[in-house]
Amino acid sequence: MKNILLIGGSYGIGFEIAKLIEKDNNVFIASRTSENIENLNVTHIPYDAATDVLDVSKLPEIIDGLIYCPGSINLRPFKGLKIETFEDDLQINFISLVKVIQTVLPKLIASQQSSIVLFSSVAVSMGMPFHTSVAAAKGAIEGFAKALAAEYAPKIRVNVIAPSLTNTPLADKFLNNETKQQKSAERHPLKRIGQPDDIAQMAHFLISNQSSWVSGQVFHVDGGMSTLLVNG
């Protein structure tokens, strides 16, 4: 069985990933709370990505997979954004991610071939209004992932999932009524909003042996938004 470290697995996409992988892997979830995961066969490590240093005392010597889920959605006009917002988004999405990888890098290298899965956004490739802060932070992840994948191939695979707006607690204020959900669905060629399991299935694939010849890629799991122009 593989040893998988999941950063942020109590809610939303992280929780769906945890449910998918806990039956066939030794899963370690580092998150602020153990709420929702008490009935899963996982080891919980208290951890706040915004402030904490990851405690590795509960981790094994070999980590075969790392999935980093914490992120933010700040959608506001650029002229109203303070520099602190950019700094906060960069911190939670990117800097904390880098700290985690540096902390567990020896354990990832100890694996025969480990896999890192990171999260970006459809807004990086599309150029959407009101997304300057989050797109900048997520764009850093995409560039970092490709460079890291090149540096550590073939020992460590690194891939990125770039979703569109997904129905999670983090996105609740954008999808908290039927009208908002319908408008969001209509913006996507596949005419529905993303669900956590849509994203979790891709993450599951990327940490499995089925993707052993895949690295340095950005996967757009976004209902076709980033590549398809469909009328109606």
C-alpha atoms as a PDB file:
ATOM      1  CA  MET A   1       0.000   0.000   0.000  1.00  0.00           C
ATOM      2  CA  LYS A   2       1.167   3.523  -0.736  1.00  0.00           C
ATOM      3  CA  ASN A   3       1.681   6.186   1.906  1.00  0.00           C
ATOM      4  CA  ILE A   4      -0.255   9.302   0.860  1.00  0.00           C
ATOM      5  CA  LEU A   5      -0.067  12.692   2.571  1.00  0.00           C
ATOM      6  CA  LEU A   6      -3.154  14.823   1.963  1.00  0.00           C
ATOM      7  CA  ILE A   7      -2.920  18.460   3.031  1.00  0.00           C
ATOM      8  CA  GLY A   8      -6.463  19.639   3.729  1.00  0.00           C
ATOM      9  CA  GLY A   9      -8.812  16.681   3.673  1.00  0.00           C
ATOM     10  CA  SER A  10     -11.728  17.525   5.943  1.00  0.00           C
ATOM     11  CA  TYR A  11     -13.953  19.412   3.499  1.00  0.00           C
ATOM     12  CA  GLY A  12     -14.778  19.801  -0.178  1.00  0.00           C
ATOM     13  CA  ILE A  13     -12.422  18.332  -2.751  1.00  0.00           C
ATOM     14  CA  GLY A  14      -9.925  17.151  -0.132  1.00  0.00           C
ATOM     15  CA  PHE A  15     -12.596  15.177   1.685  1.00  0.00           C
ATOM     16  CA  GLU A  16     -13.753  13.541  -1.553  1.00  0.00           C
ATOM     17  CA  ILE A  17     -10.154  12.588  -2.309  1.00  0.00           C
ATOM     18  CA  ALA A  18      -9.767  11.116   1.179  1.00  0.00           C
ATOM     19  CA  LYS A  19     -12.845   8.939   0.701  1.00  0.00           C
ATOM     20  CA  LEU A  20     -11.529   7.680  -2.630  1.00  0.00           C
ATOM     21  CA  ILE A  21      -8.010   6.792  -1.537  1.00  0.00           C
ATOM     22  CA  GLU A  22      -8.332   5.643   2.081  1.00  0.00           C
ATOM     23  CA  LYS A  23      -9.371   2.077   1.223  1.00  0.00           C
ATOM     24  CA  ASP A  24      -6.288   1.257  -0.836  1.00  0.00           C
ATOM     25  CA  ASN A  25      -3.618   3.469   0.749  1.00  0.00           C
ATOM     26  CA  ASN A  26      -2.181   4.507   4.096  1.00  0.00           C
ATOM     27  CA  VAL A  27      -3.539   8.056   4.248  1.00  0.00           C
ATOM     28  CA  PHE A  28      -2.272  10.880   6.452  1.00  0.00           C
ATOM     29  CA  ILE A  29      -4.463  13.986   6.523  1.00  0.00           C
ATOM     30  CA  ALA A  30      -2.950  17.264   7.738  1.00  0.00           C
ATOM     31  CA  SER A  31      -5.777  19.729   8.354  1.00  0.00           C
ATOM     32  CA  ARG A  32      -7.141  22.203  10.870  1.00  0.00           C
ATOM     33  CA  THR A  33      -9.872  19.853  12.041  1.00  0.00           C
ATOM     34  CA  SER A  34     -10.644  16.143  12.097  1.00  0.00           C
ATOM     35  CA  GLU A  35     -14.330  16.892  11.538  1.00  0.00           C
ATOM     36  CA  ASN A  36     -15.881  14.658   8.849  1.00  0.00           C
ATOM     37  CA  ILE A  37     -12.948  12.226   8.761  1.00  0.00           C
ATOM     38  CA  GLU A  38     -13.473  10.423  12.092  1.00  0.00           C
ATOM     39  CA  ASN A  39     -14.982   7.408  10.328  1.00  0.00           C
ATOM     40  CA  LEU A  40     -12.281   7.156   7.689  1.00  0.00           C
ATOM     41  CA  ASN A  41      -9.259   4.895   8.029  1.00  0.00           C
ATOM     42  CA  VAL A  42      -6.755   7.756   8.120  1.00  0.00           C
ATOM     43  CA  THR A  43      -4.220   9.333  10.475  1.00  0.00           C
ATOM     44  CA  HIS A  44      -4.977  12.957  11.297  1.00  0.00           C
ATOM     45  CA  ILE A  45      -2.246  15.553  11.873  1.00  0.00           C
ATOM     46  CA  PRO A  46      -3.408  18.953  13.196  1.00  0.00           C
ATOM     47  CA  TYR A  47      -2.144  21.572  10.748  1.00  0.00           C
ATOM     48  CA  ASP A  48      -3.095  25.049   9.581  1.00  0.00           C
ATOM     49  CA  ALA A  49      -1.494  25.776   6.209  1.00  0.00           C
ATOM     50  CA  ALA A  50      -1.615  29.523   6.860  1.00  0.00           C
ATOM     51  CA  THR A  51       0.404  29.484  10.085  1.00  0.00           C
ATOM     52  CA  ASP A  52       1.840  26.101  11.065  1.00  0.00           C
ATOM     53  CA  VAL A  53       4.967  24.089  10.376  1.00  0.00           C
ATOM     54  CA  LEU A  54       3.995  20.546   9.406  1.00  0.00           C
ATOM     55  CA  ASP A  55       4.640  18.013  12.187  1.00  0.00           C
ATOM     56  CA  VAL A  56       6.300  15.032  10.496  1.00  0.00           C
ATOM     57  CA  SER A  57       6.550  12.870  13.617  1.00  0.00           C
ATOM     58  CA  LYS A  58       3.445  10.887  12.596  1.00  0.00           C
ATOM     59  CA  LEU A  59       4.636  10.363   9.026  1.00  0.00           C
ATOM     60  CA  PRO A  60       6.469   7.260   7.765  1.00  0.00           C
ATOM     61  CA  GLU A  61       9.946   7.438   6.279  1.00  0.00           C
ATOM     62  CA  ILE A  62       8.566   6.989   2.759  1.00  0.00           C
ATOM     63  CA  ILE A  63       5.833   9.163   1.217  1.00  0.00           C
ATOM     64  CA  ASP A  64       4.569   7.919  -2.155  1.00  0.00           C
ATOM     65  CA  GLY A  65       2.043  10.683  -2.798  1.00  0.00           C
ATOM     66  CA  LEU A  66       1.454  14.281  -1.718  1.00  0.00           C
ATOM     67  CA  ILE A  67      -1.742  16.190  -2.508  1.00  0.00           C
ATOM     68  CA  TYR A  68      -1.986  19.858  -1.475  1.00  0.00           C
ATOM     69  CA  CYS A  69      -5.557  21.188  -1.355  1.00  0.00           C
ATOM     70  CA  PRO A  70      -5.644  24.488   0.623  1.00  0.00           C
ATOM     71  CA  GLY A  71      -6.510  27.526  -1.453  1.00  0.00           C
ATOM     72  CA  SER A  72      -8.547  30.707  -1.693  1.00  0.00           C
ATOM     73  CA  ILE A  73     -11.071  32.426  -3.954  1.00  0.00           C
ATOM     74  CA  ASN A  74     -10.817  36.216  -3.815  1.00  0.00           C
ATOM     75  CA  LEU A  75     -12.826  37.633  -6.698  1.00  0.00           C
ATOM     76  CA  ARG A  76     -12.807  41.431  -6.535  1.00  0.00           C
ATOM     77  CA  PRO A  77     -11.920  44.359  -8.815  1.00  0.00           C
ATOM     78  CA  PHE A  78      -8.193  44.984  -8.960  1.00  0.00           C
ATOM     79  CA  LYS A  79      -8.543  48.638  -7.909  1.00  0.00           C
ATOM     80  CA  GLY A  80     -10.109  47.538  -4.615  1.00  0.00           C
ATOM     81  CA  LEU A  81      -7.515  44.904  -3.723  1.00  0.00           C
ATOM     82  CA  LYS A  82      -4.931  45.708  -1.090  1.00  0.00           C
ATOM     83  CA  ILE A  83      -1.409  44.345  -1.377  1.00  0.00           C
ATOM     84  CA  GLU A  84      -2.151  42.263   1.724  1.00  0.00           C
ATOM     85  CA  THR A  85      -4.743  40.305  -0.259  1.00  0.00           C
ATOM     86  CA  PHE A  86      -2.145  39.363  -2.855  1.00  0.00           C
ATOM     87  CA  GLU A  87       0.266  38.385  -0.084  1.00  0.00           C
ATOM     88  CA  ASP A  88      -2.349  36.277   1.704  1.00  0.00           C
ATOM     89  CA  ASP A  89      -3.388  34.485  -1.478  1.00  0.00           C
ATOM     90  CA  LEU A  90       0.227  33.804  -2.384  1.00  0.00           C
ATOM     91  CA  GLN A  91       0.889  32.530   1.134  1.00  0.00           C
ATOM     92  CA  ILE A  92      -1.936  29.988   1.366  1.00  0.00           C
ATOM     93  CA  ASN A  93      -1.843  28.833  -2.246  1.00  0.00           C
ATOM     94  CA  PHE A  94       1.876  28.800  -2.976  1.00  0.00           C
ATOM     95  CA  ILE A  95       4.343  29.637  -0.179  1.00  0.00           C
ATOM     96  CA  SER A  96       2.784  27.178   2.290  1.00  0.00           C
ATOM     97  CA  LEU A  97       2.809  24.557  -0.468  1.00  0.00           C
ATOM     98  CA  VAL A  98       6.532  25.095  -1.025  1.00  0.00           C
ATOM     99  CA  LYS A  99       7.200  24.764   2.720  1.00  0.00           C
ATOM    100  CA  VAL A 100       5.337  21.462   2.874  1.00  0.00           C
ATOM    101  CA  ILE A 101       7.212  20.020  -0.099  1.00  0.00           C
ATOM    102  CA  GLN A 102      10.572  21.106   1.314  1.00  0.00           C
ATOM    103  CA  THR A 103       9.667  19.555   4.670  1.00  0.00           C
ATOM    104  CA  VAL A 104       8.768  16.130   3.260  1.00  0.00           C
ATOM    105  CA  LEU A 105      11.113  16.087   0.241  1.00  0.00           C
ATOM    106  CA  PRO A 106      13.457  13.411   1.697  1.00  0.00           C
ATOM    107  CA  LYS A 107      10.429  11.163   2.252  1.00  0.00           C
ATOM    108  CA  LEU A 108       9.244  11.708  -1.324  1.00  0.00           C
ATOM    109  CA  ILE A 109      12.703  10.932  -2.681  1.00  0.00           C
ATOM    110  CA  ALA A 110      12.784   7.727  -0.612  1.00  0.00           C
ATOM    111  CA  SER A 111       9.865   6.340  -2.637  1.00  0.00           C
ATOM    112  CA  GLN A 112      10.539   4.301  -5.768  1.00  0.00           C
ATOM    113  CA  GLN A 113       8.537   6.947  -7.641  1.00  0.00           C
ATOM    114  CA  SER A 114       6.402   9.470  -5.771  1.00  0.00           C
ATOM    115  CA  SER A 115       3.653  11.714  -7.110  1.00  0.00           C
ATOM    116  CA  ILE A 116       2.787  15.305  -6.151  1.00  0.00           C
ATOM    117  CA  VAL A 117      -0.640  16.688  -7.082  1.00  0.00           C
ATOM    118  CA  LEU A 118      -1.271  20.441  -6.857  1.00  0.00           C
ATOM    119  CA  PHE A 119      -4.244  22.675  -7.646  1.00  0.00           C
ATOM    120  CA  SER A 120      -4.452  25.685  -9.939  1.00  0.00           C
ATOM    121  CA  SER A 121      -7.484  27.370 -11.552  1.00  0.00           C
ATOM    122  CA  VAL A 122      -9.063  27.735 -14.962  1.00  0.00           C
ATOM    123  CA  ALA A 123      -8.517  31.495 -14.463  1.00  0.00           C
ATOM    124  CA  VAL A 124      -4.756  31.108 -15.066  1.00  0.00           C
ATOM    125  CA  SER A 125      -5.225  30.101 -18.696  1.00  0.00           C
ATOM    126  CA  MET A 126      -8.310  32.189 -19.512  1.00  0.00           C
ATOM    127  CA  GLY A 127      -7.813  35.688 -18.156  1.00  0.00           C
ATOM    128  CA  MET A 128     -10.969  36.416 -16.180  1.00  0.00           C
ATOM    129  CA  PRO A 129     -11.941  39.780 -14.687  1.00  0.00           C
ATOM    130  CA  PHE A 130     -11.763  40.117 -10.896  1.00  0.00           C
ATOM    131  CA  HIS A 131      -9.307  37.180 -10.663  1.00  0.00           C
ATOM    132  CA  THR A 132      -5.985  39.061 -10.526  1.00  0.00           C
ATOM    133  CA  SER A 133      -4.986  37.932  -7.035  1.00  0.00           C
ATOM    134  CA  VAL A 134      -5.983  34.283  -7.175  1.00  0.00           C
ATOM    135  CA  ALA A 135      -4.819  33.886 -10.787  1.00  0.00           C
ATOM    136  CA  ALA A 136      -1.392  35.232  -9.855  1.00  0.00           C
ATOM    137  CA  ALA A 137      -1.068  32.817  -6.940  1.00  0.00           C
ATOM    138  CA  LYS A 138      -2.300  29.845  -8.951  1.00  0.00           C
ATOM    139  CA  GLY A 139      -0.109  30.799 -11.902  1.00  0.00           C
ATOM    140  CA  ALA A 140       2.895  30.536  -9.599  1.00  0.00           C
ATOM    141  CA  ILE A 141       1.879  26.957  -8.850  1.00  0.00           C
ATOM    142  CA  GLU A 142       1.793  25.968 -12.511  1.00  0.00           C
ATOM    143  CA  GLY A 143       5.261  27.367 -13.231  1.00  0.00           C
ATOM    144  CA  PHE A 144       6.671  25.869 -10.043  1.00  0.00           C
ATOM    145  CA  ALA A 145       5.188  22.436 -10.768  1.00  0.00           C
ATOM    146  CA  LYS A 146       6.733  22.179 -14.221  1.00  0.00           C
ATOM    147  CA  ALA A 147      10.152  23.261 -12.963  1.00  0.00           C
ATOM    148  CA  LEU A 148       9.995  20.858 -10.013  1.00  0.00           C
ATOM    149  CA  ALA A 149       8.873  18.011 -12.276  1.00  0.00           C
ATOM    150  CA  ALA A 150      11.865  18.611 -14.553  1.00  0.00           C
ATOM    151  CA  GLU A 151      14.313  18.846 -11.657  1.00  0.00           C
ATOM    152  CA  TYR A 152      13.238  15.637  -9.923  1.00  0.00           C
ATOM    153  CA  ALA A 153      12.336  13.394 -12.874  1.00  0.00           C
ATOM    154  CA  PRO A 154      12.136  10.427 -12.884  1.00  0.00           C
ATOM    155  CA  LYS A 155      12.096  10.148  -9.079  1.00  0.00           C
ATOM    156  CA  ILE A 156       9.130  12.462  -8.424  1.00  0.00           C
ATOM    157  CA  ARG A 157       6.199  13.155 -10.714  1.00  0.00           C
ATOM    158  CA  VAL A 158       4.479  16.546 -10.370  1.00  0.00           C
ATOM    159  CA  ASN A 159       1.128  17.402 -11.939  1.00  0.00           C
ATOM    160  CA  VAL A 160      -1.506  20.117 -11.536  1.00  0.00           C
ATOM    161  CA  ILE A 161      -5.292  20.057 -11.677  1.00  0.00           C
ATOM    162  CA  ALA A 162      -6.906  23.320 -12.840  1.00  0.00           C
ATOM    163  CA  PRO A 163     -10.652  23.229 -12.079  1.00  0.00           C
ATOM    164  CA  SER A 164     -13.352  25.723 -12.812  1.00  0.00           C
ATOM    165  CA  LEU A 165     -15.655  26.847  -9.997  1.00  0.00           C
ATOM    166  CA  THR A 166     -16.611  23.725  -8.058  1.00  0.00           C
ATOM    167  CA  ASN A 167     -19.453  23.186  -5.606  1.00  0.00           C
ATOM    168  CA  THR A 168     -17.478  23.226  -2.348  1.00  0.00           C
ATOM    169  CA  PRO A 169     -17.744  25.141   0.954  1.00  0.00           C
ATOM    170  CA  LEU A 170     -14.995  27.486  -0.302  1.00  0.00           C
ATOM    171  CA  ALA A 171     -17.182  28.482  -3.266  1.00  0.00           C
ATOM    172  CA  ASP A 172     -20.444  28.665  -1.337  1.00  0.00           C
ATOM    173  CA  LYS A 173     -20.898  32.435  -1.629  1.00  0.00           C
ATOM    174  CA  PHE A 174     -20.791  32.110  -5.416  1.00  0.00           C
ATOM    175  CA  LEU A 175     -23.180  29.146  -5.578  1.00  0.00           C
ATOM    176  CA  ASN A 176     -25.485  29.625  -2.589  1.00  0.00           C
ATOM    177  CA  ASN A 177     -28.755  29.816  -4.491  1.00  0.00           C
ATOM    178  CA  GLU A 178     -30.364  28.254  -7.544  1.00  0.00           C
ATOM    179  CA  THR A 179     -29.961  31.346  -9.712  1.00  0.00           C
ATOM    180  CA  LYS A 180     -26.212  31.548  -9.119  1.00  0.00           C
ATOM    181  CA  GLN A 181     -25.824  27.823  -9.754  1.00  0.00           C
ATOM    182  CA  GLN A 182     -27.748  28.019 -13.016  1.00  0.00           C
ATOM    183  CA  LYS A 183     -25.749  30.991 -14.291  1.00  0.00           C
ATOM    184  CA  SER A 184     -22.502  29.231 -13.446  1.00  0.00           C
ATOM    185  CA  ALA A 185     -23.644  26.034 -15.148  1.00  0.00           C
ATOM    186  CA  GLU A 186     -24.545  27.936 -18.329  1.00  0.00           C
ATOM    187  CA  ARG A 187     -21.022  29.378 -18.576  1.00  0.00           C
ATOM    188  CA  HIS A 188     -19.626  25.870 -19.046  1.00  0.00           C
ATOM    189  CA  PRO A 189     -19.927  23.954 -22.335  1.00  0.00           C
ATOM    190  CA  LEU A 190     -20.989  20.845 -20.388  1.00  0.00           C
ATOM    191  CA  LYS A 191     -23.786  22.912 -18.792  1.00  0.00           C
ATOM    192  CA  ARG A 192     -23.267  22.017 -15.154  1.00  0.00           C
ATOM    193  CA  ILE A 193     -21.074  23.115 -12.293  1.00  0.00           C
ATOM    194  CA  GLY A 194     -18.241  20.933 -11.116  1.00  0.00           C
ATOM    195  CA  GLN A 195     -18.700  18.613  -8.158  1.00  0.00           C
ATOM    196  CA  PRO A 196     -15.931  17.658  -5.707  1.00  0.00           C
ATOM    197  CA  ASP A 197     -15.909  14.084  -7.009  1.00  0.00           C
ATOM    198  CA  ASP A 198     -15.151  15.314 -10.550  1.00  0.00           C
ATOM    199  CA  ILE A 199     -11.877  16.727  -9.265  1.00  0.00           C
ATOM    200  CA  ALA A 200     -11.170  13.955  -6.776  1.00  0.00           C
ATOM    201  CA  GLN A 201     -11.258  11.312  -9.505  1.00  0.00           C
ATOM    202  CA  MET A 202      -8.469  13.091 -11.385  1.00  0.00           C
ATOM    203  CA  ALA A 203      -6.385  13.426  -8.213  1.00  0.00           C
ATOM    204  CA  HIS A 204      -6.889   9.727  -7.520  1.00  0.00           C
ATOM    205  CA  PHE A 205      -5.616   8.906 -11.002  1.00  0.00           C
ATOM    206  CA  LEU A 206      -2.564  11.135 -10.670  1.00  0.00           C
ATOM    207  CA  ILE A 207      -1.324   9.561  -7.428  1.00  0.00           C
ATOM    208  CA  SER A 208      -1.918   6.033  -8.728  1.00  0.00           C
ATOM    209  CA  ASN A 209       0.381   3.806 -10.771  1.00  0.00           C
ATOM    210  CA  GLN A 210      -1.968   4.276 -13.724  1.00  0.00           C
ATOM    211  CA  SER A 211      -0.389   7.694 -14.294  1.00  0.00           C
ATOM    212  CA  SER A 212       3.217   6.525 -13.892  1.00  0.00           C
ATOM    213  CA  TRP A 213       4.217   8.022 -17.279  1.00  0.00           C
ATOM    214  CA  VAL A 214       2.589  11.405 -16.640  1.00  0.00           C
ATOM    215  CA  SER A 215       4.465  14.388 -15.210  1.00  0.00           C
ATOM    216  CA  GLY A 216       4.727  18.148 -15.635  1.00  0.00           C
ATOM    217  CA  GLN A 217       1.136  18.458 -16.872  1.00  0.00           C
ATOM    218  CA  VAL A 218      -1.755  20.800 -16.105  1.00  0.00           C
ATOM    219  CA  PHE A 219      -5.122  19.053 -16.360  1.00  0.00           C
ATOM    220  CA  HIS A 220      -8.127  21.298 -17.000  1.00  0.00           C
ATOM    221  CA  VAL A 221     -11.061  19.655 -15.248  1.00  0.00           C
ATOM    222  CA  ASP A 222     -13.406  22.525 -15.987  1.00  0.00           C
ATOM    223  CA  GLY A 223     -16.467  21.394 -17.926  1.00  0.00           C
ATOM    224  CA  GLY A 224     -14.757  22.385 -21.177  1.00  0.00           C
ATOM    225  CA  MET A 225     -14.563  26.064 -20.214  1.00  0.00           C
ATOM    226  CA  SER A 226     -10.882  26.630 -21.008  1.00  0.00           C
ATOM    227  CA  THR A 227     -10.881  25.104 -24.491  1.00  0.00           C
ATOM    228  CA  LEU A 228     -14.408  24.984 -25.914  1.00  0.00           C
ATOM    229  CA  LEU A 229     -16.595  27.790 -27.273  1.00  0.00           C
ATOM    230  CA  VAL A 230     -20.155  26.500 -27.528  1.00  0.00           C
ATOM    231  CA  ASN A 231     -23.171  28.567 -28.556  1.00  0.00           C
ATOM    232  CA  GLY A 232     -26.346  28.355 -26.551  1.00  0.00           C
END
